[in-house]
Amino acid sequence: MISVILVLLLALVSGILSNSFTIIAISGLIVAILVRFNNVLKKAYIFYGLFFVIGILTFIYYQSPYLRLFTRGFVGYGFFLVVMFAGVFPNKLGVTRVLKKYRGELSILGFISISAHAMLHVLSIYSTIDLFGLAAYVIMIPLTFISFKVIRKEIPVKEWFTIQKGAYFIYVLLFVHLLVVSAWENKIVYAVLLTLYLNNKLIKEFKRRR
């Protein structure tokens, strides 16, 4: 697993990947790290603070090539891709159990990671804003807030899960956003990923209701 992590890091640092495969590589890196070090998010607040600081630096130094993965929102998209597919992977897989254990923490890190990217577009500092991306970010705010354990435990379980279904709107809006703003070769990859997600989600729901 260490070799997988190193290969993915090398691919990301080298910048040889297209935008879509950069996001996939980041997702793969997140999964590999969680599988290899499955207690790494036990003290998630450390990572919240770290990514918050990186987010501020990204907003200030948005022209820096060293922060490109955050400026372009790739790290945030990578986190959300993991959160998405964690919900449709077969439950019997060990990786599924690991990912589901930390879905709340991963979604919070995704929100923090993508915030600088969103704000740079909202304020028209980096580029123009896309309404689908803006809508996705706005829905993220309350869902992220109630994902913190200290808030979550104050909400009845059934009500919390009902509210969290709003995440499906986020996933769809993020993919529509990427399909709108991306080059055609990336659009194909995003369309395939969305199709795979919807297909697996429908299959899992069908099996659950039988």
N, C-alpha and C. Protein backbone atom coordinates (compact mmCIF):
# COMPACT_ATOMS: atom_id res chain seq x y z
N MET A 1 0.82 -1.21 0.00
CA MET A 1 0.00 0.00 0.00
C MET A 1 0.86 1.27 0.00
N ILE A 2 2.01 1.19 0.66
CA ILE A 2 2.92 2.34 0.67
C ILE A 2 3.38 2.67 -0.75
N SER A 3 3.65 1.63 -1.54
CA SER A 3 4.08 1.86 -2.92
C SER A 3 2.99 2.54 -3.73
N VAL A 4 1.73 2.18 -3.48
CA VAL A 4 0.59 2.81 -4.17
C VAL A 4 0.53 4.29 -3.81
N ILE A 5 0.69 4.58 -2.53
CA ILE A 5 0.67 5.97 -2.05
C ILE A 5 1.77 6.78 -2.71
N LEU A 6 2.97 6.22 -2.80
CA LEU A 6 4.11 6.93 -3.39
C LEU A 6 3.91 7.17 -4.88
N VAL A 7 3.37 6.18 -5.58
CA VAL A 7 3.11 6.33 -7.02
C VAL A 7 2.08 7.42 -7.28
N LEU A 8 1.01 7.44 -6.49
CA LEU A 8 -0.03 8.45 -6.65
C LEU A 8 0.51 9.84 -6.33
N LEU A 9 1.32 9.94 -5.28
CA LEU A 9 1.94 11.23 -4.93
C LEU A 9 2.84 11.72 -6.06
N LEU A 10 3.62 10.82 -6.62
CA LEU A 10 4.51 11.18 -7.73
C LEU A 10 3.73 11.67 -8.93
N ALA A 11 2.63 10.98 -9.24
CA ALA A 11 1.79 11.38 -10.38
C ALA A 11 1.19 12.76 -10.16
N LEU A 12 0.78 13.04 -8.93
CA LEU A 12 0.17 14.33 -8.62
C LEU A 12 1.21 15.46 -8.63
N VAL A 13 2.36 15.19 -8.06
CA VAL A 13 3.42 16.21 -8.00
C VAL A 13 3.96 16.53 -9.40
N SER A 14 4.05 15.51 -10.24
CA SER A 14 4.59 15.70 -11.59
C SER A 14 3.67 16.53 -12.48
N GLY A 15 2.36 16.52 -12.18
CA GLY A 15 1.40 17.29 -12.97
C GLY A 15 1.13 16.71 -14.34
N ILE A 16 1.37 15.41 -14.51
CA ILE A 16 1.19 14.79 -15.83
C ILE A 16 -0.25 14.37 -16.10
N LEU A 17 -1.08 14.39 -15.07
CA LEU A 17 -2.46 13.90 -15.22
C LEU A 17 -3.39 15.00 -15.68
N SER A 18 -4.43 14.61 -16.41
CA SER A 18 -5.49 15.57 -16.77
C SER A 18 -6.26 15.93 -15.50
N ASN A 19 -7.10 16.94 -15.58
CA ASN A 19 -7.86 17.37 -14.40
C ASN A 19 -8.70 16.25 -13.80
N SER A 20 -9.40 15.52 -14.65
CA SER A 20 -10.28 14.45 -14.16
C SER A 20 -9.49 13.34 -13.48
N PHE A 21 -8.37 12.95 -14.08
CA PHE A 21 -7.56 11.89 -13.49
C PHE A 21 -6.78 12.38 -12.27
N THR A 22 -6.57 13.68 -12.19
CA THR A 22 -5.97 14.26 -10.98
C THR A 22 -6.91 14.07 -9.80
N ILE A 23 -8.20 14.34 -10.02
CA ILE A 23 -9.20 14.15 -8.96
C ILE A 23 -9.29 12.68 -8.57
N ILE A 24 -9.28 11.79 -9.55
CA ILE A 24 -9.34 10.36 -9.27
C ILE A 24 -8.11 9.92 -8.49
N ALA A 25 -6.93 10.44 -8.87
CA ALA A 25 -5.69 10.08 -8.17
C ALA A 25 -5.73 10.57 -6.72
N ILE A 26 -6.27 11.76 -6.49
CA ILE A 26 -6.39 12.28 -5.13
C ILE A 26 -7.33 11.39 -4.32
N SER A 27 -8.44 10.98 -4.92
CA SER A 27 -9.37 10.07 -4.24
C SER A 27 -8.68 8.76 -3.91
N GLY A 28 -7.93 8.23 -4.87
CA GLY A 28 -7.20 6.99 -4.64
C GLY A 28 -6.18 7.13 -3.52
N LEU A 29 -5.53 8.28 -3.47
CA LEU A 29 -4.54 8.54 -2.42
C LEU A 29 -5.21 8.58 -1.05
N ILE A 30 -6.36 9.23 -0.97
CA ILE A 30 -7.11 9.31 0.29
C ILE A 30 -7.50 7.91 0.76
N VAL A 31 -8.01 7.10 -0.16
CA VAL A 31 -8.43 5.74 0.18
C VAL A 31 -7.23 4.91 0.63
N ALA A 32 -6.12 5.02 -0.11
CA ALA A 32 -4.92 4.24 0.21
C ALA A 32 -4.39 4.60 1.60
N ILE A 33 -4.40 5.89 1.92
CA ILE A 33 -3.91 6.34 3.23
C ILE A 33 -4.81 5.82 4.34
N LEU A 34 -6.13 5.87 4.12
CA LEU A 34 -7.06 5.39 5.14
C LEU A 34 -6.97 3.88 5.35
N VAL A 35 -6.75 3.16 4.27
CA VAL A 35 -6.62 1.70 4.38
C VAL A 35 -5.32 1.34 5.09
N ARG A 36 -4.24 2.04 4.75
CA ARG A 36 -2.93 1.73 5.35
C ARG A 36 -2.84 2.23 6.78
N PHE A 37 -3.39 3.41 7.03
CA PHE A 37 -3.35 4.00 8.37
C PHE A 37 -4.78 4.27 8.81
N ASN A 38 -5.53 3.20 9.16
CA ASN A 38 -6.97 3.34 9.36
C ASN A 38 -7.39 4.11 10.61
N ASN A 39 -6.43 4.54 11.42
CA ASN A 39 -6.77 5.38 12.57
C ASN A 39 -6.29 6.82 12.39
N VAL A 40 -5.89 7.14 11.15
CA VAL A 40 -5.28 8.45 10.91
C VAL A 40 -6.25 9.60 11.20
N LEU A 41 -7.55 9.36 11.07
CA LEU A 41 -8.54 10.42 11.31
C LEU A 41 -9.17 10.34 12.70
N LYS A 42 -8.54 9.57 13.57
CA LYS A 42 -9.09 9.44 14.92
C LYS A 42 -9.12 10.79 15.62
N LYS A 43 -8.11 11.62 15.36
CA LYS A 43 -8.08 12.99 15.88
C LYS A 43 -8.23 13.93 14.70
N ALA A 44 -9.42 13.91 14.14
CA ALA A 44 -9.69 14.63 12.89
C ALA A 44 -9.50 16.14 13.02
N TYR A 45 -9.68 16.68 14.23
CA TYR A 45 -9.58 18.13 14.40
C TYR A 45 -8.21 18.66 14.01
N ILE A 46 -7.17 17.80 14.12
CA ILE A 46 -5.83 18.21 13.70
C ILE A 46 -5.81 18.48 12.20
N PHE A 47 -6.47 17.60 11.44
CA PHE A 47 -6.53 17.76 10.00
C PHE A 47 -7.45 18.91 9.61
N TYR A 48 -8.52 19.13 10.39
CA TYR A 48 -9.38 20.28 10.12
C TYR A 48 -8.56 21.56 10.20
N GLY A 49 -7.77 21.67 11.25
CA GLY A 49 -6.94 22.86 11.43
C GLY A 49 -5.90 23.00 10.34
N LEU A 50 -5.26 21.89 9.98
CA LEU A 50 -4.24 21.91 8.94
C LEU A 50 -4.82 22.35 7.60
N PHE A 51 -5.94 21.76 7.23
CA PHE A 51 -6.55 22.10 5.94
C PHE A 51 -7.15 23.50 5.95
N PHE A 52 -7.57 23.98 7.12
CA PHE A 52 -8.06 25.36 7.23
C PHE A 52 -6.93 26.33 6.94
N VAL A 53 -5.76 26.07 7.51
CA VAL A 53 -4.59 26.92 7.27
C VAL A 53 -4.20 26.89 5.79
N ILE A 54 -4.21 25.69 5.20
CA ILE A 54 -3.89 25.56 3.77
C ILE A 54 -4.92 26.34 2.94
N GLY A 55 -6.18 26.30 3.37
CA GLY A 55 -7.23 27.02 2.66
C GLY A 55 -6.99 28.52 2.67
N ILE A 56 -6.58 29.05 3.81
CA ILE A 56 -6.28 30.48 3.91
C ILE A 56 -5.10 30.84 3.02
N LEU A 57 -4.06 30.02 3.06
CA LEU A 57 -2.89 30.25 2.21
C LEU A 57 -3.27 30.18 0.73
N THR A 58 -4.17 29.25 0.40
CA THR A 58 -4.63 29.12 -0.98
C THR A 58 -5.35 30.37 -1.44
N PHE A 59 -6.18 30.94 -0.55
CA PHE A 59 -6.93 32.15 -0.89
C PHE A 59 -5.99 33.33 -1.09
N ILE A 60 -4.95 33.42 -0.26
CA ILE A 60 -4.01 34.54 -0.34
C ILE A 60 -3.04 34.38 -1.50
N TYR A 61 -2.51 33.16 -1.64
CA TYR A 61 -1.49 32.91 -2.66
C TYR A 61 -2.06 32.04 -3.78
N TYR A 62 -3.20 32.43 -4.29
CA TYR A 62 -3.90 31.59 -5.26
C TYR A 62 -3.13 31.43 -6.58
N GLN A 63 -2.15 32.29 -6.83
CA GLN A 63 -1.38 32.17 -8.06
C GLN A 63 -0.18 31.22 -7.92
N SER A 64 0.04 30.75 -6.70
CA SER A 64 1.17 29.85 -6.47
C SER A 64 0.93 28.49 -7.11
N PRO A 65 1.87 27.99 -7.90
CA PRO A 65 1.71 26.66 -8.53
C PRO A 65 1.74 25.53 -7.49
N TYR A 66 2.30 25.81 -6.30
CA TYR A 66 2.38 24.78 -5.27
C TYR A 66 1.02 24.51 -4.62
N LEU A 67 0.09 25.44 -4.80
CA LEU A 67 -1.24 25.30 -4.21
C LEU A 67 -2.30 25.01 -5.28
N ARG A 68 -1.85 24.65 -6.46
CA ARG A 68 -2.75 24.47 -7.61
C ARG A 68 -3.86 23.46 -7.32
N LEU A 69 -3.53 22.37 -6.64
CA LEU A 69 -4.53 21.33 -6.39
C LEU A 69 -5.66 21.84 -5.50
N PHE A 70 -5.35 22.81 -4.65
CA PHE A 70 -6.39 23.41 -3.79
C PHE A 70 -7.08 24.55 -4.52
N THR A 71 -6.31 25.38 -5.23
CA THR A 71 -6.90 26.51 -5.96
C THR A 71 -7.93 26.04 -6.97
N ARG A 72 -7.61 24.96 -7.67
CA ARG A 72 -8.52 24.43 -8.69
C ARG A 72 -9.63 23.58 -8.08
N GLY A 73 -9.58 23.34 -6.78
CA GLY A 73 -10.64 22.58 -6.12
C GLY A 73 -10.48 21.08 -6.22
N PHE A 74 -9.36 20.62 -6.78
CA PHE A 74 -9.18 19.18 -7.02
C PHE A 74 -9.17 18.36 -5.73
N VAL A 75 -8.53 18.91 -4.69
CA VAL A 75 -8.47 18.17 -3.42
C VAL A 75 -9.87 18.01 -2.83
N GLY A 76 -10.64 19.09 -2.87
CA GLY A 76 -12.02 19.02 -2.37
C GLY A 76 -12.86 18.04 -3.15
N TYR A 77 -12.75 18.08 -4.49
CA TYR A 77 -13.49 17.14 -5.33
C TYR A 77 -13.06 15.71 -5.02
N GLY A 78 -11.77 15.53 -4.76
CA GLY A 78 -11.26 14.19 -4.44
C GLY A 78 -11.89 13.63 -3.18
N PHE A 79 -12.01 14.47 -2.16
CA PHE A 79 -12.64 14.04 -0.91
C PHE A 79 -14.10 13.66 -1.15
N PHE A 80 -14.82 14.49 -1.88
CA PHE A 80 -16.25 14.22 -2.11
C PHE A 80 -16.47 12.98 -2.99
N LEU A 81 -15.53 12.72 -3.88
CA LEU A 81 -15.65 11.51 -4.70
C LEU A 81 -15.54 10.27 -3.81
N VAL A 82 -14.64 10.32 -2.83
CA VAL A 82 -14.51 9.21 -1.89
C VAL A 82 -15.78 9.05 -1.06
N VAL A 83 -16.31 10.16 -0.57
CA VAL A 83 -17.53 10.12 0.25
C VAL A 83 -18.69 9.55 -0.57
N MET A 84 -18.79 9.96 -1.82
CA MET A 84 -19.85 9.46 -2.70
C MET A 84 -19.80 7.95 -2.84
N PHE A 85 -18.66 7.46 -3.30
CA PHE A 85 -18.56 6.05 -3.62
C PHE A 85 -18.48 5.16 -2.39
N ALA A 86 -18.15 5.74 -1.24
CA ALA A 86 -18.18 4.96 0.00
C ALA A 86 -19.60 4.47 0.28
N GLY A 87 -20.58 5.22 -0.19
CA GLY A 87 -21.97 4.86 0.04
C GLY A 87 -22.51 3.82 -0.91
N VAL A 88 -21.78 3.50 -1.98
CA VAL A 88 -22.29 2.54 -2.96
C VAL A 88 -21.37 1.33 -3.13
N PHE A 89 -20.21 1.34 -2.45
CA PHE A 89 -19.36 0.14 -2.48
C PHE A 89 -20.07 -0.99 -1.72
N PRO A 90 -19.82 -2.24 -2.09
CA PRO A 90 -20.40 -3.38 -1.34
C PRO A 90 -20.01 -3.33 0.13
N ASN A 91 -20.98 -3.52 1.01
CA ASN A 91 -20.74 -3.41 2.45
C ASN A 91 -19.74 -4.44 2.98
N LYS A 92 -19.63 -5.57 2.27
CA LYS A 92 -18.75 -6.64 2.75
C LYS A 92 -17.27 -6.34 2.56
N LEU A 93 -16.95 -5.34 1.73
CA LEU A 93 -15.56 -4.99 1.50
C LEU A 93 -14.96 -4.28 2.72
N GLY A 94 -13.72 -4.64 3.04
CA GLY A 94 -13.05 -3.99 4.17
C GLY A 94 -12.87 -2.51 3.96
N VAL A 95 -12.59 -2.11 2.72
CA VAL A 95 -12.38 -0.69 2.42
C VAL A 95 -13.66 0.10 2.65
N THR A 96 -14.81 -0.52 2.39
CA THR A 96 -16.09 0.16 2.59
C THR A 96 -16.30 0.49 4.07
N ARG A 97 -15.98 -0.46 4.92
CA ARG A 97 -16.13 -0.24 6.37
C ARG A 97 -15.23 0.89 6.86
N VAL A 98 -14.02 0.93 6.33
CA VAL A 98 -13.09 1.99 6.72
C VAL A 98 -13.60 3.36 6.27
N LEU A 99 -14.05 3.44 5.03
CA LEU A 99 -14.51 4.71 4.48
C LEU A 99 -15.79 5.19 5.16
N LYS A 100 -16.72 4.26 5.41
CA LYS A 100 -17.97 4.65 6.07
C LYS A 100 -17.73 5.14 7.50
N LYS A 101 -16.71 4.59 8.12
CA LYS A 101 -16.37 4.98 9.49
C LYS A 101 -16.02 6.45 9.56
N TYR A 102 -15.44 6.97 8.46
CA TYR A 102 -14.97 8.36 8.48
C TYR A 102 -15.66 9.25 7.44
N ARG A 103 -16.85 8.86 7.00
CA ARG A 103 -17.52 9.67 5.97
C ARG A 103 -17.78 11.10 6.44
N GLY A 104 -18.16 11.26 7.68
CA GLY A 104 -18.41 12.60 8.21
C GLY A 104 -17.16 13.45 8.19
N GLU A 105 -16.06 12.88 8.67
CA GLU A 105 -14.78 13.60 8.69
C GLU A 105 -14.30 13.92 7.28
N LEU A 106 -14.48 12.98 6.37
CA LEU A 106 -14.05 13.20 4.98
C LEU A 106 -14.86 14.30 4.32
N SER A 107 -16.16 14.35 4.60
CA SER A 107 -16.99 15.39 4.01
C SER A 107 -16.62 16.77 4.56
N ILE A 108 -16.27 16.83 5.84
CA ILE A 108 -15.84 18.11 6.43
C ILE A 108 -14.53 18.56 5.79
N LEU A 109 -13.59 17.63 5.64
CA LEU A 109 -12.31 17.96 5.00
C LEU A 109 -12.52 18.37 3.54
N GLY A 110 -13.49 17.74 2.88
CA GLY A 110 -13.82 18.12 1.51
C GLY A 110 -14.32 19.55 1.44
N PHE A 111 -15.20 19.91 2.38
CA PHE A 111 -15.75 21.26 2.42
C PHE A 111 -14.65 22.29 2.68
N ILE A 112 -13.80 22.01 3.67
CA ILE A 112 -12.71 22.93 3.99
C ILE A 112 -11.77 23.09 2.80
N SER A 113 -11.47 21.96 2.14
CA SER A 113 -10.53 21.96 1.02
C SER A 113 -11.05 22.74 -0.18
N ILE A 114 -12.36 22.71 -0.38
CA ILE A 114 -12.93 23.33 -1.58
C ILE A 114 -13.36 24.78 -1.34
N SER A 115 -13.33 25.21 -0.09
CA SER A 115 -13.85 26.55 0.25
C SER A 115 -13.06 27.68 -0.41
N ALA A 116 -11.73 27.58 -0.40
CA ALA A 116 -10.92 28.63 -1.03
C ALA A 116 -11.23 28.71 -2.52
N HIS A 117 -11.33 27.56 -3.17
CA HIS A 117 -11.69 27.49 -4.59
C HIS A 117 -13.04 28.17 -4.83
N ALA A 118 -14.01 27.87 -3.98
CA ALA A 118 -15.34 28.46 -4.13
C ALA A 118 -15.31 29.97 -3.92
N MET A 119 -14.62 30.42 -2.87
CA MET A 119 -14.58 31.85 -2.56
C MET A 119 -13.85 32.64 -3.64
N LEU A 120 -12.79 32.07 -4.20
CA LEU A 120 -12.06 32.75 -5.28
C LEU A 120 -12.97 32.98 -6.49
N HIS A 121 -13.87 32.04 -6.74
CA HIS A 121 -14.81 32.19 -7.85
C HIS A 121 -15.96 33.12 -7.49
N VAL A 122 -16.46 33.00 -6.26
CA VAL A 122 -17.56 33.87 -5.83
C VAL A 122 -17.15 35.33 -5.90
N LEU A 123 -15.93 35.61 -5.50
CA LEU A 123 -15.42 36.99 -5.50
C LEU A 123 -14.80 37.38 -6.84
N SER A 124 -14.89 36.47 -7.82
CA SER A 124 -14.36 36.70 -9.18
C SER A 124 -12.87 37.05 -9.17
N ILE A 125 -12.14 36.50 -8.21
CA ILE A 125 -10.69 36.74 -8.14
C ILE A 125 -9.97 35.80 -9.10
N TYR A 126 -10.39 34.56 -9.10
CA TYR A 126 -9.71 33.55 -9.91
C TYR A 126 -10.34 33.43 -11.29
N SER A 127 -11.65 33.38 -11.33
CA SER A 127 -12.37 33.25 -12.59
C SER A 127 -13.85 33.54 -12.32
N THR A 128 -14.67 33.40 -13.31
CA THR A 128 -16.09 33.64 -13.13
C THR A 128 -16.71 32.50 -12.34
N ILE A 129 -17.93 32.69 -11.90
CA ILE A 129 -18.62 31.70 -11.08
C ILE A 129 -19.63 30.91 -11.90
N ASP A 130 -19.75 29.64 -11.59
CA ASP A 130 -20.76 28.78 -12.21
C ASP A 130 -21.86 28.54 -11.19
N LEU A 131 -23.10 28.72 -11.60
CA LEU A 131 -24.22 28.63 -10.66
C LEU A 131 -24.40 27.23 -10.08
N PHE A 132 -24.07 26.20 -10.84
CA PHE A 132 -24.19 24.84 -10.32
C PHE A 132 -23.18 24.60 -9.19
N GLY A 133 -21.97 25.11 -9.40
CA GLY A 133 -20.96 25.00 -8.36
C GLY A 133 -21.33 25.79 -7.12
N LEU A 134 -21.88 26.99 -7.33
CA LEU A 134 -22.31 27.82 -6.21
C LEU A 134 -23.42 27.14 -5.42
N ALA A 135 -24.40 26.57 -6.12
CA ALA A 135 -25.52 25.89 -5.46
C ALA A 135 -25.01 24.71 -4.63
N ALA A 136 -24.06 23.96 -5.18
CA ALA A 136 -23.50 22.82 -4.45
C ALA A 136 -22.82 23.29 -3.17
N TYR A 137 -22.07 24.38 -3.27
CA TYR A 137 -21.34 24.89 -2.10
C TYR A 137 -22.30 25.39 -1.02
N VAL A 138 -23.36 26.05 -1.44
CA VAL A 138 -24.34 26.59 -0.48
C VAL A 138 -25.00 25.44 0.30
N ILE A 139 -25.34 24.37 -0.39
CA ILE A 139 -25.96 23.21 0.28
C ILE A 139 -24.96 22.53 1.21
N MET A 140 -23.69 22.57 0.84
CA MET A 140 -22.64 21.96 1.68
C MET A 140 -22.58 22.58 3.07
N ILE A 141 -22.83 23.88 3.18
CA ILE A 141 -22.60 24.61 4.43
C ILE A 141 -23.38 24.01 5.61
N PRO A 142 -24.72 23.89 5.53
CA PRO A 142 -25.44 23.31 6.67
C PRO A 142 -25.14 21.84 6.89
N LEU A 143 -24.93 21.08 5.80
CA LEU A 143 -24.65 19.66 5.94
C LEU A 143 -23.28 19.43 6.59
N THR A 144 -22.33 20.30 6.29
CA THR A 144 -21.02 20.21 6.93
C THR A 144 -21.13 20.55 8.41
N PHE A 145 -21.91 21.56 8.71
CA PHE A 145 -22.08 22.02 10.09
C PHE A 145 -22.60 20.89 10.98
N ILE A 146 -23.60 20.15 10.49
CA ILE A 146 -24.17 19.09 11.32
C ILE A 146 -23.37 17.79 11.25
N SER A 147 -22.29 17.78 10.45
CA SER A 147 -21.43 16.60 10.38
C SER A 147 -20.42 16.57 11.52
N PHE A 148 -20.20 17.70 12.17
CA PHE A 148 -19.31 17.71 13.33
C PHE A 148 -19.97 16.91 14.45
N LYS A 149 -19.20 16.03 15.07
CA LYS A 149 -19.76 15.11 16.06
C LYS A 149 -20.46 15.83 17.20
N VAL A 150 -19.91 16.97 17.62
CA VAL A 150 -20.51 17.69 18.73
C VAL A 150 -21.90 18.21 18.38
N ILE A 151 -22.15 18.49 17.10
CA ILE A 151 -23.47 18.94 16.63
C ILE A 151 -24.35 17.74 16.32
N ARG A 152 -23.75 16.75 15.70
CA ARG A 152 -24.50 15.57 15.26
C ARG A 152 -25.20 14.87 16.43
N LYS A 153 -24.52 14.77 17.56
CA LYS A 153 -25.11 14.04 18.68
C LYS A 153 -26.30 14.75 19.31
N GLU A 154 -26.51 16.01 18.94
CA GLU A 154 -27.66 16.77 19.45
C GLU A 154 -28.89 16.62 18.56
N ILE A 155 -28.73 15.95 17.42
CA ILE A 155 -29.83 15.79 16.47
C ILE A 155 -30.31 14.34 16.48
N PRO A 156 -31.61 14.10 16.56
CA PRO A 156 -32.13 12.73 16.51
C PRO A 156 -31.61 11.99 15.28
N VAL A 157 -31.27 10.72 15.45
CA VAL A 157 -30.63 9.95 14.39
C VAL A 157 -31.45 9.96 13.09
N LYS A 158 -32.76 9.69 13.22
CA LYS A 158 -33.61 9.62 12.03
C LYS A 158 -33.65 10.97 11.31
N GLU A 159 -33.74 12.04 12.08
CA GLU A 159 -33.78 13.38 11.49
C GLU A 159 -32.44 13.71 10.83
N TRP A 160 -31.35 13.31 11.46
CA TRP A 160 -30.02 13.60 10.92
C TRP A 160 -29.84 12.92 9.57
N PHE A 161 -30.24 11.66 9.47
CA PHE A 161 -30.09 10.93 8.21
C PHE A 161 -30.99 11.51 7.12
N THR A 162 -32.15 12.01 7.51
CA THR A 162 -33.05 12.64 6.54
C THR A 162 -32.42 13.90 5.97
N ILE A 163 -31.83 14.72 6.84
CA ILE A 163 -31.18 15.95 6.40
C ILE A 163 -29.99 15.64 5.49
N GLN A 164 -29.25 14.59 5.86
CA GLN A 164 -28.05 14.25 5.10
C GLN A 164 -28.34 13.77 3.68
N LYS A 165 -29.60 13.46 3.40
CA LYS A 165 -29.95 13.07 2.03
C LYS A 165 -29.75 14.23 1.06
N GLY A 166 -29.61 15.42 1.61
CA GLY A 166 -29.31 16.58 0.78
C GLY A 166 -27.97 16.44 0.09
N ALA A 167 -27.13 15.54 0.59
CA ALA A 167 -25.82 15.31 -0.02
C ALA A 167 -25.96 14.84 -1.47
N TYR A 168 -27.07 14.15 -1.78
CA TYR A 168 -27.26 13.68 -3.15
C TYR A 168 -27.36 14.85 -4.12
N PHE A 169 -27.97 15.94 -3.68
CA PHE A 169 -28.06 17.14 -4.51
C PHE A 169 -26.66 17.71 -4.74
N ILE A 170 -25.83 17.66 -3.70
CA ILE A 170 -24.46 18.16 -3.82
C ILE A 170 -23.70 17.36 -4.88
N TYR A 171 -23.80 16.03 -4.80
CA TYR A 171 -23.07 15.18 -5.74
C TYR A 171 -23.47 15.49 -7.19
N VAL A 172 -24.78 15.56 -7.42
CA VAL A 172 -25.26 15.81 -8.78
C VAL A 172 -24.82 17.19 -9.26
N LEU A 173 -24.96 18.20 -8.41
CA LEU A 173 -24.59 19.57 -8.78
C LEU A 173 -23.09 19.69 -9.05
N LEU A 174 -22.28 19.01 -8.24
CA LEU A 174 -20.83 19.05 -8.47
C LEU A 174 -20.48 18.44 -9.83
N PHE A 175 -21.12 17.33 -10.17
CA PHE A 175 -20.83 16.71 -11.45
C PHE A 175 -21.33 17.57 -12.61
N VAL A 176 -22.49 18.16 -12.45
CA VAL A 176 -23.00 19.06 -13.51
C VAL A 176 -22.06 20.24 -13.67
N HIS A 177 -21.60 20.78 -12.54
CA HIS A 177 -20.63 21.88 -12.56
C HIS A 177 -19.37 21.48 -13.33
N LEU A 178 -18.83 20.30 -13.02
CA LEU A 178 -17.62 19.84 -13.71
C LEU A 178 -17.87 19.60 -15.19
N LEU A 179 -19.04 19.09 -15.51
CA LEU A 179 -19.38 18.85 -16.92
C LEU A 179 -19.51 20.15 -17.70
N VAL A 180 -19.97 21.19 -17.03
CA VAL A 180 -20.15 22.49 -17.69
C VAL A 180 -18.81 23.18 -17.94
N VAL A 181 -17.93 23.15 -16.96
CA VAL A 181 -16.70 23.97 -17.03
C VAL A 181 -15.49 23.24 -17.60
N SER A 182 -15.60 21.94 -17.84
CA SER A 182 -14.42 21.16 -18.23
C SER A 182 -14.28 20.97 -19.73
N ALA A 183 -13.06 20.62 -20.13
CA ALA A 183 -12.79 20.27 -21.51
C ALA A 183 -13.44 18.93 -21.83
N TRP A 184 -13.65 18.66 -23.11
CA TRP A 184 -14.43 17.48 -23.51
C TRP A 184 -13.84 16.17 -23.01
N GLU A 185 -12.49 16.05 -23.00
CA GLU A 185 -11.89 14.79 -22.56
C GLU A 185 -12.15 14.52 -21.08
N ASN A 186 -12.25 15.60 -20.29
CA ASN A 186 -12.58 15.46 -18.87
C ASN A 186 -14.07 15.21 -18.67
N LYS A 187 -14.89 15.81 -19.54
CA LYS A 187 -16.34 15.60 -19.46
C LYS A 187 -16.67 14.11 -19.57
N ILE A 188 -15.96 13.41 -20.45
CA ILE A 188 -16.21 11.98 -20.64
C ILE A 188 -15.95 11.21 -19.36
N VAL A 189 -14.83 11.52 -18.71
CA VAL A 189 -14.48 10.83 -17.46
C VAL A 189 -15.51 11.11 -16.38
N TYR A 190 -15.91 12.39 -16.24
CA TYR A 190 -16.91 12.75 -15.22
C TYR A 190 -18.25 12.07 -15.50
N ALA A 191 -18.62 12.00 -16.77
CA ALA A 191 -19.89 11.34 -17.14
C ALA A 191 -19.84 9.86 -16.79
N VAL A 192 -18.69 9.22 -17.02
CA VAL A 192 -18.54 7.80 -16.67
C VAL A 192 -18.64 7.61 -15.16
N LEU A 193 -17.97 8.47 -14.40
CA LEU A 193 -18.00 8.37 -12.94
C LEU A 193 -19.42 8.55 -12.40
N LEU A 194 -20.13 9.54 -12.94
CA LEU A 194 -21.51 9.78 -12.50
C LEU A 194 -22.40 8.60 -12.85
N THR A 195 -22.21 8.04 -14.03
CA THR A 195 -22.99 6.86 -14.45
C THR A 195 -22.72 5.68 -13.54
N LEU A 196 -21.45 5.44 -13.21
CA LEU A 196 -21.09 4.34 -12.31
C LEU A 196 -21.71 4.53 -10.93
N TYR A 197 -21.68 5.78 -10.46
CA TYR A 197 -22.26 6.04 -9.14
C TYR A 197 -23.76 5.78 -9.14
N LEU A 198 -24.46 6.34 -10.12
CA LEU A 198 -25.91 6.18 -10.18
C LEU A 198 -26.29 4.71 -10.36
N ASN A 199 -25.54 4.00 -11.19
CA ASN A 199 -25.80 2.58 -11.41
C ASN A 199 -25.64 1.78 -10.12
N ASN A 200 -24.52 2.00 -9.40
CA ASN A 200 -24.27 1.28 -8.15
C ASN A 200 -25.27 1.66 -7.07
N LYS A 201 -25.67 2.93 -7.07
CA LYS A 201 -26.64 3.39 -6.07
C LYS A 201 -27.99 2.72 -6.29
N LEU A 202 -28.42 2.65 -7.55
CA LEU A 202 -29.71 2.03 -7.86
C LEU A 202 -29.69 0.54 -7.53
N ILE A 203 -28.57 -0.12 -7.86
CA ILE A 203 -28.45 -1.55 -7.56
C ILE A 203 -28.51 -1.79 -6.05
N LYS A 204 -27.81 -0.96 -5.31
CA LYS A 204 -27.78 -1.14 -3.85
C LYS A 204 -29.15 -0.87 -3.23
N GLU A 205 -29.85 0.14 -3.75
CA GLU A 205 -31.19 0.44 -3.23
C GLU A 205 -32.16 -0.68 -3.57
N PHE A 206 -32.02 -1.24 -4.76
CA PHE A 206 -32.89 -2.34 -5.18
C PHE A 206 -32.69 -3.56 -4.27
N LYS A 207 -31.43 -3.88 -3.99
CA LYS A 207 -31.16 -5.03 -3.11
C LYS A 207 -31.64 -4.79 -1.69
N ARG A 208 -31.53 -3.53 -1.25
CA ARG A 208 -31.94 -3.21 0.12
C ARG A 208 -33.46 -3.32 0.29
N ARG A 209 -34.20 -3.02 -0.76
CA ARG A 209 -35.67 -3.00 -0.67
C ARG A 209 -36.30 -4.35 -0.97
N ARG A 210 -35.49 -5.31 -1.46
CA ARG A 210 -36.07 -6.63 -1.78
C ARG A 210 -36.51 -7.37 -0.52
